[in-house]
Amino acid sequence: MKPVLRQWMLSQSYCFLQYQKLDKACALLEALEVLDPENPDIHRMLAYTYLQQGRTEDCIKSADKFRSCAGPKDDMRTIDLISKRARYKARQKGEEQSQAEVKTKVKA
């Protein structure tokens, strides 16, 4: 695929993110990831999209991929924030599930 088309797809996915069309953004970004797996911008945007969708495990994996692809000039603060937020949400989700299990056992 021509680089111009890849850039267009990346721009479209950014627009979808801006308008909260998360499923469309995710579909484009996942396709781009297959075409250009070493592009850190794709992994950063995917991590953010997964975070917005509540897919914390996928978010953390994309953040890790970003770190492995990032160059010395890439800003790590954004991905660190996204990753920490995903870990926090995952921890909260785990605690909520544990509390629900305890309540279920108490009722039984």
C-alpha atoms as a PDB file:
ATOM      1  CA  MET A   1       0.000   0.000   0.000  1.00  0.00           C
ATOM      2  CA  LYS A   2       1.225   3.471  -0.835  1.00  0.00           C
ATOM      3  CA  PRO A   3       2.411   5.625   2.074  1.00  0.00           C
ATOM      4  CA  VAL A   4      -0.099   8.316   1.083  1.00  0.00           C
ATOM      5  CA  LEU A   5      -2.976   5.875   1.595  1.00  0.00           C
ATOM      6  CA  ARG A   6      -1.594   4.781   4.958  1.00  0.00           C
ATOM      7  CA  GLN A   7      -1.379   8.392   6.049  1.00  0.00           C
ATOM      8  CA  TRP A   8      -4.937   8.971   4.868  1.00  0.00           C
ATOM      9  CA  MET A   9      -6.147   5.967   6.880  1.00  0.00           C
ATOM     10  CA  LEU A  10      -4.316   7.263   9.944  1.00  0.00           C
ATOM     11  CA  SER A  11      -5.922  10.684   9.477  1.00  0.00           C
ATOM     12  CA  GLN A  12      -9.355   9.105   9.087  1.00  0.00           C
ATOM     13  CA  SER A  13      -8.912   7.092  12.256  1.00  0.00           C
ATOM     14  CA  TYR A  14      -7.944  10.296  14.085  1.00  0.00           C
ATOM     15  CA  CYS A  15     -11.156  11.942  12.852  1.00  0.00           C
ATOM     16  CA  PHE A  16     -13.193   8.957  13.983  1.00  0.00           C
ATOM     17  CA  LEU A  17     -11.606   9.232  17.423  1.00  0.00           C
ATOM     18  CA  GLN A  18     -12.440  12.914  17.613  1.00  0.00           C
ATOM     19  CA  TYR A  19     -16.100  12.165  16.914  1.00  0.00           C
ATOM     20  CA  GLN A  20     -16.192   9.157  19.276  1.00  0.00           C
ATOM     21  CA  LYS A  21     -16.678   6.656  16.428  1.00  0.00           C
ATOM     22  CA  LEU A  22     -14.522   4.187  18.306  1.00  0.00           C
ATOM     23  CA  ASP A  23     -15.469   1.046  16.369  1.00  0.00           C
ATOM     24  CA  LYS A  24     -14.575   2.652  13.042  1.00  0.00           C
ATOM     25  CA  ALA A  25     -11.331   4.081  14.402  1.00  0.00           C
ATOM     26  CA  CYS A  26     -10.421   0.708  15.862  1.00  0.00           C
ATOM     27  CA  ALA A  27     -11.093  -1.132  12.600  1.00  0.00           C
ATOM     28  CA  LEU A  28      -8.872   1.254  10.631  1.00  0.00           C
ATOM     29  CA  LEU A  29      -6.095   1.217  13.206  1.00  0.00           C
ATOM     30  CA  GLU A  30      -6.080  -2.568  13.458  1.00  0.00           C
ATOM     31  CA  ALA A  31      -5.811  -2.786   9.668  1.00  0.00           C
ATOM     32  CA  LEU A  32      -2.969  -0.268   9.731  1.00  0.00           C
ATOM     33  CA  GLU A  33      -1.223  -2.264  12.439  1.00  0.00           C
ATOM     34  CA  VAL A  34      -1.129  -5.265  10.100  1.00  0.00           C
ATOM     35  CA  LEU A  35       0.222  -3.122   7.245  1.00  0.00           C
ATOM     36  CA  ASP A  36       2.763  -1.177   9.302  1.00  0.00           C
ATOM     37  CA  PRO A  37       3.500  -2.990  12.589  1.00  0.00           C
ATOM     38  CA  GLU A  38       6.521  -0.819  13.435  1.00  0.00           C
ATOM     39  CA  ASN A  39       4.693   2.524  13.356  1.00  0.00           C
ATOM     40  CA  PRO A  40       4.508   3.873  16.930  1.00  0.00           C
ATOM     41  CA  ASP A  41       1.740   6.352  16.055  1.00  0.00           C
ATOM     42  CA  ILE A  42      -0.586   3.482  15.212  1.00  0.00           C
ATOM     43  CA  HIS A  43       0.114   1.740  18.510  1.00  0.00           C
ATOM     44  CA  ARG A  44      -0.390   4.949  20.503  1.00  0.00           C
ATOM     45  CA  MET A  45      -3.733   5.614  18.819  1.00  0.00           C
ATOM     46  CA  LEU A  46      -4.786   1.995  19.235  1.00  0.00           C
ATOM     47  CA  ALA A  47      -3.930   2.116  22.934  1.00  0.00           C
ATOM     48  CA  TYR A  48      -6.059   5.228  23.347  1.00  0.00           C
ATOM     49  CA  THR A  49      -8.932   3.697  21.369  1.00  0.00           C
ATOM     50  CA  TYR A  50      -8.842   0.505  23.428  1.00  0.00           C
ATOM     51  CA  LEU A  51      -8.827   2.575  26.622  1.00  0.00           C
ATOM     52  CA  GLN A  52     -11.909   4.461  25.463  1.00  0.00           C
ATOM     53  CA  GLN A  53     -13.622   1.160  24.650  1.00  0.00           C
ATOM     54  CA  GLY A  54     -12.800  -0.299  28.051  1.00  0.00           C
ATOM     55  CA  ARG A  55     -10.506  -2.934  26.542  1.00  0.00           C
ATOM     56  CA  THR A  56      -7.785  -2.531  29.156  1.00  0.00           C
ATOM     57  CA  GLU A  57      -5.794  -5.660  28.306  1.00  0.00           C
ATOM     58  CA  ASP A  58      -5.534  -4.657  24.640  1.00  0.00           C
ATOM     59  CA  CYS A  59      -4.675  -1.113  25.664  1.00  0.00           C
ATOM     60  CA  ILE A  60      -1.748  -2.265  27.782  1.00  0.00           C
ATOM     61  CA  LYS A  61      -0.481  -4.532  24.980  1.00  0.00           C
ATOM     62  CA  SER A  62      -0.609  -1.668  22.462  1.00  0.00           C
ATOM     63  CA  ALA A  63       1.169   0.622  24.903  1.00  0.00           C
ATOM     64  CA  ASP A  64       3.927  -1.974  25.262  1.00  0.00           C
ATOM     65  CA  LYS A  65       4.175  -2.272  21.463  1.00  0.00           C
ATOM     66  CA  PHE A  66       4.472   1.516  21.254  1.00  0.00           C
ATOM     67  CA  ARG A  67       7.377   1.453  23.700  1.00  0.00           C
ATOM     68  CA  SER A  68       9.173  -1.215  21.662  1.00  0.00           C
ATOM     69  CA  CYS A  69       8.708   0.736  18.387  1.00  0.00           C
ATOM     70  CA  ALA A  70       9.250   4.257  19.708  1.00  0.00           C
ATOM     71  CA  GLY A  71      12.316   6.201  18.789  1.00  0.00           C
ATOM     72  CA  PRO A  72      14.305   8.581  20.980  1.00  0.00           C
ATOM     73  CA  LYS A  73      12.235  11.569  19.831  1.00  0.00           C
ATOM     74  CA  ASP A  74       8.848  10.001  20.653  1.00  0.00           C
ATOM     75  CA  ASP A  75       7.094  11.421  23.699  1.00  0.00           C
ATOM     76  CA  MET A  76       6.608   8.697  26.291  1.00  0.00           C
ATOM     77  CA  ARG A  77       4.482  10.779  28.668  1.00  0.00           C
ATOM     78  CA  THR A  78       1.275  10.270  26.710  1.00  0.00           C
ATOM     79  CA  ILE A  79       1.628   6.507  26.448  1.00  0.00           C
ATOM     80  CA  ASP A  80       2.599   6.278  30.110  1.00  0.00           C
ATOM     81  CA  LEU A  81      -0.572   8.128  31.068  1.00  0.00           C
ATOM     82  CA  ILE A  82      -2.721   5.908  28.830  1.00  0.00           C
ATOM     83  CA  SER A  83      -1.089   2.755  30.194  1.00  0.00           C
ATOM     84  CA  LYS A  84      -1.456   3.825  33.832  1.00  0.00           C
ATOM     85  CA  ARG A  85      -5.110   4.694  33.279  1.00  0.00           C
ATOM     86  CA  ALA A  86      -5.723   1.259  31.726  1.00  0.00           C
ATOM     87  CA  ARG A  87      -4.032  -0.497  34.642  1.00  0.00           C
ATOM     88  CA  TYR A  88      -6.111   1.533  37.092  1.00  0.00           C
ATOM     89  CA  LYS A  89      -9.350   0.651  35.263  1.00  0.00           C
ATOM     90  CA  ALA A  90      -8.352  -3.025  35.135  1.00  0.00           C
ATOM     91  CA  ARG A  91      -7.644  -3.018  38.864  1.00  0.00           C
ATOM     92  CA  GLN A  92     -11.017  -1.350  39.551  1.00  0.00           C
ATOM     93  CA  LYS A  93     -12.804  -3.889  37.359  1.00  0.00           C
ATOM     94  CA  GLY A  94     -11.093  -6.730  39.225  1.00  0.00           C
ATOM     95  CA  GLU A  95     -12.111  -5.311  42.601  1.00  0.00           C
ATOM     96  CA  GLU A  96     -15.719  -4.880  41.480  1.00  0.00           C
ATOM     97  CA  GLN A  97     -15.847  -8.483  40.297  1.00  0.00           C
ATOM     98  CA  SER A  98     -14.412  -9.685  43.611  1.00  0.00           C
ATOM     99  CA  GLN A  99     -17.005  -7.713  45.570  1.00  0.00           C
ATOM    100  CA  ALA A 100     -19.813  -9.098  43.392  1.00  0.00           C
ATOM    101  CA  GLU A 101     -18.588 -12.656  44.009  1.00  0.00           C
ATOM    102  CA  VAL A 102     -18.505 -12.068  47.767  1.00  0.00           C
ATOM    103  CA  LYS A 103     -22.067 -10.685  47.733  1.00  0.00           C
ATOM    104  CA  THR A 104     -23.238 -13.690  45.714  1.00  0.00           C
ATOM    105  CA  LYS A 105     -21.657 -16.117  48.207  1.00  0.00           C
ATOM    106  CA  VAL A 106     -23.150 -14.260  51.176  1.00  0.00           C
ATOM    107  CA  LYS A 107     -26.664 -14.464  49.672  1.00  0.00           C
ATOM    108  CA  ALA A 108     -26.298 -18.202  49.043  1.00  0.00           C
END
